[in-house]
Amino acid sequence: MVSQTVTVTNPTGIHARPAATLAKVAAPFKSNIFLNTGAKKVQAKSVLNLMSAAIKCGTEIVVECDGEDEADALKAVVEAIESGLGE
């Protein structure tokens, strides 16, 4: 298992559109990918789970990946979050 802490930079946090973008980035990987806010841990491949976490701008989250392609998954998800998820 690998993990990395990242800060959400989207001005509006992870709402519907960024959640869909993040789920698309995570979906191709075989690894389990989770976002942990401290209060909630959700699967990154599910738009509804991501939205239920109510992650706001400035929130520090831990991206956790576990599986055969965990390093690549971690890199892709962290880069997507740091780039603002298309916003």
Protein backbone atom coordinates (compact mmCIF):
# COMPACT_ATOMS: atom_id res chain seq x y z
CA MET A 1 0.00 0.00 0.00
CA VAL A 2 1.19 3.48 -0.89
CA SER A 3 -0.22 6.82 0.17
CA GLN A 4 0.36 10.53 -0.22
CA THR A 5 -1.14 13.63 1.34
CA VAL A 6 -2.46 16.25 -1.06
CA THR A 7 -4.43 19.48 -0.65
CA VAL A 8 -7.57 20.07 -2.71
CA THR A 9 -7.07 23.29 -4.71
CA ASN A 10 -10.42 23.52 -6.53
CA PRO A 11 -12.17 26.71 -5.37
CA THR A 12 -15.44 24.77 -5.05
CA GLY A 13 -13.96 21.53 -3.71
CA ILE A 14 -14.87 18.11 -5.06
CA HIS A 15 -18.45 18.49 -6.26
CA ALA A 16 -20.16 16.64 -9.15
CA ARG A 17 -17.93 17.59 -12.10
CA PRO A 18 -14.54 17.19 -10.34
CA ALA A 19 -15.80 13.96 -8.71
CA ALA A 20 -16.65 12.57 -12.15
CA THR A 21 -13.23 13.59 -13.46
CA LEU A 22 -11.47 11.96 -10.52
CA ALA A 23 -13.51 8.76 -10.83
CA LYS A 24 -12.57 8.57 -14.54
CA VAL A 25 -8.88 8.90 -13.65
CA ALA A 26 -9.14 6.19 -10.98
CA ALA A 27 -11.36 3.71 -12.88
CA PRO A 28 -8.78 2.10 -15.21
CA PHE A 29 -6.54 0.99 -12.33
CA LYS A 30 -6.87 -2.45 -10.76
CA SER A 31 -5.80 -1.15 -7.36
CA ASN A 32 -8.22 -0.08 -4.66
CA ILE A 33 -8.03 3.71 -4.41
CA PHE A 34 -9.34 5.62 -1.40
CA LEU A 35 -9.44 9.26 -0.33
CA ASN A 36 -9.17 9.70 3.42
CA THR A 37 -10.20 13.07 4.90
CA GLY A 38 -9.70 11.95 8.48
CA ALA A 39 -13.45 12.11 9.07
CA LYS A 40 -14.38 9.93 6.10
CA LYS A 41 -12.69 7.38 3.83
CA VAL A 42 -14.27 6.92 0.40
CA GLN A 43 -13.56 4.97 -2.78
CA ALA A 44 -12.16 7.21 -5.51
CA LYS A 45 -13.79 5.18 -8.30
CA SER A 46 -17.32 6.14 -7.19
CA VAL A 47 -18.69 9.60 -8.04
CA LEU A 48 -21.37 9.30 -5.35
CA ASN A 49 -18.87 8.30 -2.68
CA LEU A 50 -16.61 11.21 -3.62
CA MET A 51 -19.50 13.66 -3.45
CA SER A 52 -20.66 12.25 -0.11
CA ALA A 53 -17.30 13.12 1.44
CA ALA A 54 -18.06 16.86 0.94
CA ILE A 55 -14.39 17.71 0.36
CA LYS A 56 -13.89 21.47 0.31
CA CYS A 57 -11.10 23.65 -1.06
CA GLY A 58 -8.05 23.59 1.19
CA THR A 59 -8.85 20.17 2.67
CA GLU A 60 -5.85 17.92 3.13
CA ILE A 61 -6.64 14.38 2.05
CA VAL A 62 -4.62 11.20 2.02
CA VAL A 63 -4.77 9.26 -1.23
CA GLU A 64 -4.32 5.55 -0.47
CA CYS A 65 -3.73 2.94 -3.18
CA ASP A 66 -3.41 -0.79 -2.68
CA GLY A 67 -2.91 -3.31 -5.47
CA GLU A 68 -0.74 -4.41 -8.37
CA ASP A 69 -0.59 -0.97 -10.04
CA GLU A 70 -0.68 1.11 -6.86
CA ALA A 71 2.29 3.37 -7.69
CA ASP A 72 0.86 4.37 -11.07
CA ALA A 73 -2.60 4.83 -9.57
CA LEU A 74 -1.25 7.06 -6.80
CA LYS A 75 0.69 9.19 -9.26
CA ALA A 76 -2.30 9.65 -11.58
CA VAL A 77 -4.79 10.51 -8.83
CA VAL A 78 -2.45 12.93 -7.03
CA GLU A 79 -1.61 14.68 -10.32
CA ALA A 80 -5.32 14.99 -11.14
CA ILE A 81 -6.11 16.52 -7.74
CA GLU A 82 -3.12 18.90 -7.85
CA SER A 83 -4.09 20.05 -11.36
CA GLY A 84 -7.54 21.12 -10.13
CA LEU A 85 -9.57 18.28 -11.67
CA GLY A 86 -10.34 20.21 -14.83
CA GLU A 87 -11.51 23.40 -13.15
